């Protein structure tokens, strides 16, 4: 699974903040629904280690 925070060497919380700001700037509902769906569907990081 591709993790942009790890790929770019950025804190995952900054990536989440960027997604949140993108949601506010472009239309909150579609982005937040997508983010919440991915959060519920994707497994935790610890499951692969």
C-alpha atoms as a PDB file:
ATOM      1  CA  UNK A   1       0.000   0.000   0.000  1.00  0.00           C
ATOM      2  CA  UNK A   2       1.306   3.436  -0.923  1.00  0.00           C
ATOM      3  CA  UNK A   3       1.744   5.790   2.033  1.00  0.00           C
ATOM      4  CA  UNK A   4       2.510   9.328   0.863  1.00  0.00           C
ATOM      5  CA  UNK A   5       3.885  10.365   4.254  1.00  0.00           C
ATOM      6  CA  UNK A   6       6.501   7.619   4.243  1.00  0.00           C
ATOM      7  CA  UNK A   7       7.253   8.066   0.533  1.00  0.00           C
ATOM      8  CA  UNK A   8       7.989  11.793   0.899  1.00  0.00           C
ATOM      9  CA  UNK A   9       9.473  11.516   4.393  1.00  0.00           C
ATOM     10  CA  UNK A  10       6.685  13.601   5.944  1.00  0.00           C
ATOM     11  CA  UNK A  11       4.828  13.088   9.201  1.00  0.00           C
ATOM     12  CA  UNK A  12       1.518  11.267   8.501  1.00  0.00           C
ATOM     13  CA  UNK A  13      -0.323  13.863  10.578  1.00  0.00           C
ATOM     14  CA  UNK A  14       0.783  16.549   8.127  1.00  0.00           C
ATOM     15  CA  UNK A  15      -0.644  14.467   5.291  1.00  0.00           C
ATOM     16  CA  UNK A  16      -3.934  14.172   7.193  1.00  0.00           C
ATOM     17  CA  UNK A  17      -3.924  17.930   7.776  1.00  0.00           C
ATOM     18  CA  UNK A  18      -3.351  18.452   4.045  1.00  0.00           C
ATOM     19  CA  UNK A  19      -6.299  16.201   3.220  1.00  0.00           C
ATOM     20  CA  UNK A  20      -8.444  18.128   5.670  1.00  0.00           C
ATOM     21  CA  UNK A  21      -7.427  21.491   4.191  1.00  0.00           C
ATOM     22  CA  UNK A  22      -8.027  20.151   0.680  1.00  0.00           C
ATOM     23  CA  UNK A  23     -11.478  19.077   1.804  1.00  0.00           C
ATOM     24  CA  UNK A  24     -12.247  22.556   3.088  1.00  0.00           C
ATOM     25  CA  UNK A  25     -10.945  24.207  -0.076  1.00  0.00           C
ATOM     26  CA  UNK A  26     -12.636  21.980  -2.666  1.00  0.00           C
ATOM     27  CA  UNK A  27     -15.871  20.744  -1.202  1.00  0.00           C
ATOM     28  CA  UNK A  28     -15.995  19.117   2.146  1.00  0.00           C
ATOM     29  CA  UNK A  29     -18.446  16.266   1.710  1.00  0.00           C
ATOM     30  CA  UNK A  30     -16.901  14.181  -1.137  1.00  0.00           C
ATOM     31  CA  UNK A  31     -13.377  14.302   0.249  1.00  0.00           C
ATOM     32  CA  UNK A  32     -14.406  13.558   3.816  1.00  0.00           C
ATOM     33  CA  UNK A  33     -16.588  10.651   2.738  1.00  0.00           C
ATOM     34  CA  UNK A  34     -13.680   9.230   0.746  1.00  0.00           C
ATOM     35  CA  UNK A  35     -11.272   9.737   3.653  1.00  0.00           C
ATOM     36  CA  UNK A  36     -13.630   8.109   6.151  1.00  0.00           C
ATOM     37  CA  UNK A  37     -14.288   5.174   3.820  1.00  0.00           C
ATOM     38  CA  UNK A  38     -10.549   4.604   3.345  1.00  0.00           C
ATOM     39  CA  UNK A  39      -9.967   4.919   7.099  1.00  0.00           C
ATOM     40  CA  UNK A  40     -12.585   2.243   7.781  1.00  0.00           C
ATOM     41  CA  UNK A  41     -11.544  -0.123   4.969  1.00  0.00           C
ATOM     42  CA  UNK A  42      -7.748   0.014   5.078  1.00  0.00           C
ATOM     43  CA  UNK A  43      -5.989  -2.103   7.718  1.00  0.00           C
ATOM     44  CA  UNK A  44      -3.859  -0.703  10.492  1.00  0.00           C
ATOM     45  CA  UNK A  45      -0.149  -0.298   9.783  1.00  0.00           C
ATOM     46  CA  UNK A  46       0.799  -2.735  12.565  1.00  0.00           C
ATOM     47  CA  UNK A  47      -0.922  -5.664  10.846  1.00  0.00           C
ATOM     48  CA  UNK A  48       1.832  -5.918   8.223  1.00  0.00           C
ATOM     49  CA  UNK A  49       4.817  -5.939  10.573  1.00  0.00           C
END
